[in-house]
Amino acid sequence: MGSVTYESLKASKDDLNRIYQILLDTSNKLILRYKEIGDAWLDKKYKKTGEKMRLCLEVLLKNTNTLKNTIRTLGVLMDKVMEYENAKILDFSSTSNGFVSSLRSMTNGNAEADIFRCGDVLVKDGALSMSIDYRNLITNRISSATDKARQVYKTYIKRVVIQNANFSGQAGFYSEDFNKGIYYNARDDVNGSNFFTYVGEMIDNTSSPSFSSSEAFTDSLISEINNYNGNTAPLRNLLKSGSNLNRRAFSTFFEASMGNVDLLNEIKTNFPNSYQVFNNIMDDMIGIERGERF
């Protein structure tokens, strides 16, 4: 590790980027040139050679994608090294050290456990663009969650998947329009609220009927939401939820319970009965997973 520095990794990444750009530009220019003059070749030998060249260049272009992924992975490693240098880690024997654990997982050939996960959630597309700061934000919020919410999170998180963290459409959890999972833009998620809202929505939908479809939850929500006069956006939005009220309320309450202290306090103040039912639902969720309840 002593010989690996941020500067040396950056230099390597810059070199690979230059090579990638040269291969990409050269291949594209030669393919375009072949298309321009290829039809004019009357000599069959030249035409046959040109066709082989075109096929080779197309294969080369496909392989540049592998090089591009390597460059992205190198960027992730650079972030890890920067994290190490900033933290000035001294105890390499500590199993709780996030950086050391990450390096161990990478050297053991299990990079997916770190690079392609955020808060232990599998990220199928967009993981490499997630910053270290964002990953740490999610981890810190998990640590700051209520005990019950954290237990539900860790119990059901294996059922959750982020299909796309660079999604340009309407963010949310989708079960029909796309492959089942979460679609959102992590770069716009400045405080992690989107992450935990959609995780809560997907966890809720892992059961049929969904965990939130409780008559007690419905009754308490309808009773309390009509008396809500606050200006907190997530709670005001519940008024517009219509038939999705239970589902939206569950994911909002869950997000608040996962380290959003201000929102959680407002929920406890303005939706005390609904929050109590929500906690009862979480008790049931934990019990169901353990086989303690039906």
Protein backbone atom coordinates (compact mmCIF):
# COMPACT_ATOMS: atom_id res chain seq x y z
CA MET A 1 0.00 0.00 0.00
CA GLY A 2 2.95 2.29 0.69
CA SER A 3 3.80 2.61 -3.01
CA VAL A 4 0.20 3.30 -4.05
CA THR A 5 -0.57 7.02 -3.92
CA TYR A 6 -3.44 9.11 -5.15
CA GLU A 7 -1.07 10.85 -7.56
CA SER A 8 0.18 7.60 -9.10
CA LEU A 9 -3.38 6.34 -9.57
CA LYS A 10 -4.39 9.64 -11.13
CA ALA A 11 -1.45 9.48 -13.52
CA SER A 12 -2.43 5.93 -14.50
CA LYS A 13 -6.03 6.96 -15.02
CA ASP A 14 -4.97 9.92 -17.16
CA ASP A 15 -2.78 7.62 -19.29
CA LEU A 16 -5.64 5.16 -19.76
CA ASN A 17 -7.97 8.01 -20.68
CA ARG A 18 -5.55 9.18 -23.35
CA ILE A 19 -5.20 5.65 -24.73
CA TYR A 20 -8.97 5.21 -24.69
CA GLN A 21 -9.48 8.48 -26.57
CA ILE A 22 -6.82 7.61 -29.17
CA LEU A 23 -8.37 4.19 -29.81
CA LEU A 24 -11.85 5.67 -30.00
CA ASP A 25 -10.90 8.53 -32.33
CA THR A 26 -8.70 6.41 -34.58
CA SER A 27 -11.27 3.63 -34.91
CA ASN A 28 -14.10 6.02 -35.68
CA LYS A 29 -12.07 7.97 -38.25
CA LEU A 30 -10.88 4.83 -40.05
CA ILE A 31 -14.39 3.36 -40.16
CA LEU A 32 -15.78 6.60 -41.59
CA ARG A 33 -12.94 6.77 -44.13
CA TYR A 34 -13.59 3.18 -45.19
CA LYS A 35 -17.27 3.94 -45.72
CA GLU A 36 -16.33 6.95 -47.85
CA ILE A 37 -13.98 5.14 -50.24
CA GLY A 38 -14.86 1.48 -49.79
CA ASP A 39 -17.49 1.35 -52.50
CA ALA A 40 -15.07 2.92 -54.97
CA TRP A 41 -12.50 0.11 -54.64
CA LEU A 42 -12.55 -1.99 -57.79
CA ASP A 43 -9.68 -4.25 -56.77
CA LYS A 44 -11.21 -7.19 -54.90
CA LYS A 45 -8.06 -7.71 -52.80
CA TYR A 46 -8.18 -4.14 -51.51
CA LYS A 47 -11.90 -4.45 -50.85
CA LYS A 48 -11.40 -7.72 -48.95
CA THR A 49 -8.60 -6.17 -46.87
CA GLY A 50 -10.75 -3.12 -46.16
CA GLU A 51 -13.61 -5.30 -44.98
CA LYS A 52 -11.32 -7.13 -42.56
CA MET A 53 -10.06 -3.80 -41.29
CA ARG A 54 -13.63 -2.61 -40.70
CA LEU A 55 -14.52 -5.76 -38.75
CA CYS A 56 -11.37 -5.47 -36.63
CA LEU A 57 -12.12 -1.84 -35.82
CA GLU A 58 -15.68 -2.66 -34.79
CA VAL A 59 -14.37 -5.33 -32.41
CA LEU A 60 -11.85 -2.80 -31.10
CA LEU A 61 -14.62 -0.29 -30.43
CA LYS A 62 -16.56 -2.88 -28.45
CA ASN A 63 -13.48 -3.64 -26.37
CA THR A 64 -12.94 0.03 -25.58
CA ASN A 65 -16.04 -0.28 -23.35
CA THR A 66 -14.08 -2.68 -21.16
CA LEU A 67 -11.28 -0.12 -20.98
CA LYS A 68 -13.81 2.57 -20.08
CA ASN A 69 -15.15 0.42 -17.22
CA THR A 70 -11.59 -0.12 -16.02
CA ILE A 71 -11.06 3.65 -15.95
CA ARG A 72 -14.25 4.07 -13.89
CA THR A 73 -13.18 1.39 -11.43
CA LEU A 74 -9.78 3.05 -11.12
CA GLY A 75 -11.62 6.27 -10.26
CA VAL A 76 -13.42 4.45 -7.43
CA LEU A 77 -10.09 3.18 -6.13
CA MET A 78 -8.76 6.75 -6.23
CA ASP A 79 -11.68 7.80 -4.02
CA LYS A 80 -10.82 5.00 -1.61
CA VAL A 81 -7.19 6.09 -1.43
CA MET A 82 -8.25 9.70 -0.87
CA GLU A 83 -10.56 8.49 1.93
CA TYR A 84 -7.62 6.65 3.47
CA GLU A 85 -5.28 9.64 3.23
CA ASN A 86 -7.85 12.02 4.68
CA ALA A 87 -8.70 9.71 7.56
CA LYS A 88 -5.02 8.95 8.24
CA ILE A 89 -5.83 5.40 9.24
CA LEU A 90 -3.24 3.86 11.51
CA ASP A 91 -4.81 0.63 12.71
CA PHE A 92 -4.81 -1.75 9.75
CA SER A 93 -6.00 -4.65 11.90
CA SER A 94 -9.37 -3.09 12.65
CA THR A 95 -12.18 -5.10 11.06
CA SER A 96 -14.52 -2.12 11.41
CA ASN A 97 -12.37 0.04 9.17
CA GLY A 98 -14.40 0.74 6.02
CA PHE A 99 -11.41 1.41 3.79
CA VAL A 100 -9.50 -1.71 4.81
CA SER A 101 -12.64 -3.82 4.43
CA SER A 102 -13.12 -2.38 0.97
CA LEU A 103 -9.58 -3.22 -0.07
CA ARG A 104 -9.95 -6.74 1.31
CA SER A 105 -13.15 -7.30 -0.63
CA MET A 106 -11.50 -5.99 -3.81
CA THR A 107 -8.40 -8.14 -3.44
CA ASN A 108 -10.54 -11.17 -2.64
CA GLY A 109 -12.31 -10.80 -5.97
CA ASN A 110 -15.55 -9.65 -4.37
CA ALA A 111 -15.55 -6.02 -5.47
CA GLU A 112 -19.34 -6.15 -5.96
CA ALA A 113 -19.75 -6.21 -2.18
CA ASP A 114 -18.34 -2.69 -2.04
CA ILE A 115 -18.17 -0.87 -5.36
CA PHE A 116 -21.53 -2.02 -6.68
CA ARG A 117 -23.43 -1.57 -3.42
CA CYS A 118 -24.57 1.49 -1.50
CA GLY A 119 -25.84 1.00 2.04
CA ASP A 120 -25.69 -2.75 1.25
CA VAL A 121 -28.16 -2.22 -1.62
CA LEU A 122 -27.16 -3.69 -4.98
CA VAL A 123 -26.82 -0.93 -7.61
CA LYS A 124 -27.09 -2.38 -11.11
CA ASP A 125 -26.48 0.84 -13.05
CA GLY A 126 -24.78 3.98 -11.79
CA ALA A 127 -22.82 2.60 -8.84
CA LEU A 128 -19.47 3.77 -10.20
CA SER A 129 -20.69 7.37 -10.37
CA MET A 130 -21.71 7.41 -6.69
CA SER A 131 -19.24 9.51 -4.71
CA ILE A 132 -17.59 8.41 -1.48
CA ASP A 133 -19.31 11.33 0.28
CA TYR A 134 -22.72 10.08 -0.83
CA ARG A 135 -21.96 6.51 0.24
CA ASN A 136 -20.79 7.78 3.63
CA LEU A 137 -23.95 9.89 3.94
CA ILE A 138 -26.11 6.79 3.46
CA THR A 139 -24.00 4.78 5.93
CA ASN A 140 -24.20 7.55 8.54
CA ARG A 141 -27.97 7.77 8.21
CA ILE A 142 -28.29 4.02 8.74
CA SER A 143 -26.23 4.41 11.92
CA SER A 144 -28.50 7.28 13.05
CA ALA A 145 -31.76 5.43 12.37
CA THR A 146 -34.15 4.35 15.10
CA ASP A 147 -33.40 0.85 16.35
CA LYS A 148 -36.61 -0.56 14.90
CA ALA A 149 -36.21 1.07 11.47
CA ARG A 150 -32.59 -0.06 11.27
CA GLN A 151 -33.62 -3.62 12.08
CA VAL A 152 -36.30 -3.57 9.38
CA TYR A 153 -33.81 -2.10 6.93
CA LYS A 154 -31.19 -4.76 7.58
CA THR A 155 -33.80 -7.52 7.58
CA TYR A 156 -35.37 -6.67 4.23
CA ILE A 157 -32.54 -4.93 2.36
CA LYS A 158 -31.57 -8.14 0.58
CA ARG A 159 -34.87 -7.86 -1.32
CA VAL A 160 -34.12 -4.34 -2.59
CA VAL A 161 -32.26 -3.36 -5.78
CA ILE A 162 -31.44 -0.03 -7.39
CA GLN A 163 -31.87 -0.63 -11.10
CA ASN A 164 -30.55 2.80 -12.11
CA ALA A 165 -28.91 5.52 -9.99
CA ASN A 166 -28.48 7.81 -13.03
CA PHE A 167 -32.15 7.80 -13.99
CA SER A 168 -33.34 10.85 -15.95
CA GLY A 169 -37.08 10.12 -15.75
CA GLN A 170 -39.50 10.39 -12.84
CA ALA A 171 -37.75 8.95 -9.82
CA GLY A 172 -39.33 6.23 -7.72
CA PHE A 173 -39.92 2.54 -7.20
CA TYR A 174 -41.27 0.70 -10.25
CA SER A 175 -42.75 -2.78 -10.33
CA GLU A 176 -44.35 -2.86 -13.78
CA ASP A 177 -43.14 -0.12 -16.15
CA PHE A 178 -39.49 -1.20 -15.76
CA ASN A 179 -37.60 -4.04 -14.16
CA LYS A 180 -38.71 -4.19 -10.54
CA GLY A 181 -36.59 -1.82 -8.49
CA ILE A 182 -35.60 1.76 -7.71
CA TYR A 183 -34.88 4.38 -10.38
CA TYR A 184 -33.51 7.79 -9.37
CA ASN A 185 -30.57 10.18 -9.81
CA ALA A 186 -28.21 9.86 -6.85
CA ARG A 187 -26.46 13.12 -7.75
CA ASP A 188 -29.68 15.03 -6.99
CA ASP A 189 -30.15 13.25 -3.65
CA VAL A 190 -28.28 15.75 -1.49
CA ASN A 191 -29.39 14.40 1.91
CA GLY A 192 -30.21 10.76 1.12
CA SER A 193 -33.98 11.26 1.49
CA ASN A 194 -34.75 9.90 -1.97
CA PHE A 195 -32.66 6.79 -1.29
CA PHE A 196 -34.48 5.88 1.92
CA THR A 197 -37.93 6.91 0.65
CA TYR A 198 -37.71 4.58 -2.35
CA VAL A 199 -36.04 1.83 -0.32
CA GLY A 200 -38.97 2.06 2.10
CA GLU A 201 -41.43 1.93 -0.80
CA MET A 202 -39.78 -1.18 -2.23
CA ILE A 203 -39.57 -2.90 1.17
CA ASP A 204 -43.30 -2.20 1.65
CA ASN A 205 -44.04 -3.84 -1.69
CA THR A 206 -42.11 -7.02 -0.95
CA SER A 207 -45.26 -8.40 0.66
CA SER A 208 -48.68 -9.02 -0.90
CA PRO A 209 -50.72 -7.31 0.35
CA SER A 210 -48.17 -4.60 1.10
CA PHE A 211 -47.20 -4.02 4.73
CA SER A 212 -48.77 -0.56 4.67
CA SER A 213 -52.23 -1.81 3.67
CA SER A 214 -53.44 -1.85 7.27
CA GLU A 215 -56.93 -0.60 8.07
CA ALA A 216 -55.65 0.87 11.33
CA PHE A 217 -52.97 2.76 9.39
CA THR A 218 -55.56 4.04 6.90
CA ASP A 219 -57.96 5.22 9.60
CA SER A 220 -55.31 7.03 11.64
CA LEU A 221 -53.78 8.67 8.55
CA ILE A 222 -57.12 9.99 7.28
CA SER A 223 -57.98 11.31 10.72
CA GLU A 224 -54.66 13.09 11.28
CA ILE A 225 -53.84 14.30 7.79
CA ASN A 226 -57.00 16.42 7.66
CA ASN A 227 -55.77 18.31 10.71
CA TYR A 228 -52.23 18.87 9.45
CA ASN A 229 -51.43 22.55 8.92
CA GLY A 230 -47.66 22.40 8.65
CA ASN A 231 -45.51 23.27 5.64
CA THR A 232 -43.12 20.33 5.55
CA ALA A 233 -43.11 19.22 1.89
CA PRO A 234 -43.09 15.41 2.36
CA LEU A 235 -46.05 15.63 4.75
CA ARG A 236 -47.94 18.17 2.63
CA ASN A 237 -47.49 15.83 -0.34
CA LEU A 238 -49.39 13.13 1.53
CA LEU A 239 -52.51 15.24 1.04
CA LYS A 240 -52.18 14.66 -2.72
CA SER A 241 -51.59 10.91 -2.47
CA GLY A 242 -55.19 9.77 -2.93
CA SER A 243 -55.43 5.98 -3.07
CA ASN A 244 -51.65 5.77 -2.57
CA LEU A 245 -51.84 7.43 0.86
CA ASN A 246 -50.83 4.33 2.84
CA ARG A 247 -47.88 3.53 0.58
CA ARG A 248 -46.62 7.12 0.47
CA ALA A 249 -47.04 7.57 4.21
CA PHE A 250 -45.16 4.35 4.94
CA SER A 251 -42.19 5.33 2.78
CA THR A 252 -42.18 8.88 4.23
CA PHE A 253 -42.31 7.62 7.83
CA PHE A 254 -39.60 5.07 7.02
CA GLU A 255 -37.33 7.71 5.48
CA ALA A 256 -37.77 9.91 8.54
CA SER A 257 -36.93 6.98 10.82
CA MET A 258 -33.70 6.39 8.91
CA GLY A 259 -31.81 9.34 10.35
CA ASN A 260 -34.00 12.31 9.33
CA VAL A 261 -34.50 13.65 12.86
CA ASP A 262 -36.36 16.88 11.99
CA LEU A 263 -38.94 15.12 9.83
CA LEU A 264 -39.35 12.35 12.38
CA ASN A 265 -40.04 14.86 15.16
CA GLU A 266 -42.70 16.56 13.04
CA ILE A 267 -44.34 13.22 12.31
CA LYS A 268 -44.38 12.29 15.98
CA THR A 269 -45.95 15.69 16.79
CA ASN A 270 -48.56 15.85 14.04
CA PHE A 271 -49.22 12.17 13.31
CA PRO A 272 -48.79 10.49 16.72
CA ASN A 273 -51.39 7.76 16.20
CA SER A 274 -50.27 7.00 12.64
CA TYR A 275 -46.66 6.82 13.78
CA GLN A 276 -47.61 4.37 16.52
CA VAL A 277 -49.40 2.16 13.97
CA PHE A 278 -46.36 2.46 11.70
CA ASN A 279 -44.19 1.16 14.53
CA ASN A 280 -46.61 -1.71 15.07
CA ILE A 281 -46.33 -2.55 11.36
CA MET A 282 -42.55 -2.63 11.68
CA ASP A 283 -42.88 -4.98 14.67
CA ASP A 284 -44.98 -7.28 12.50
CA MET A 285 -42.47 -7.08 9.65
CA ILE A 286 -39.65 -8.17 11.95
CA GLY A 287 -41.85 -10.90 13.43
CA ILE A 288 -42.91 -12.20 10.02
CA GLU A 289 -39.28 -12.53 8.93
CA ARG A 290 -38.54 -14.46 12.12
CA GLY A 291 -41.62 -16.63 11.71
CA GLU A 292 -43.17 -15.30 14.92
CA ARG A 293 -46.35 -13.92 13.34
CA PHE A 294 -48.63 -14.72 10.46
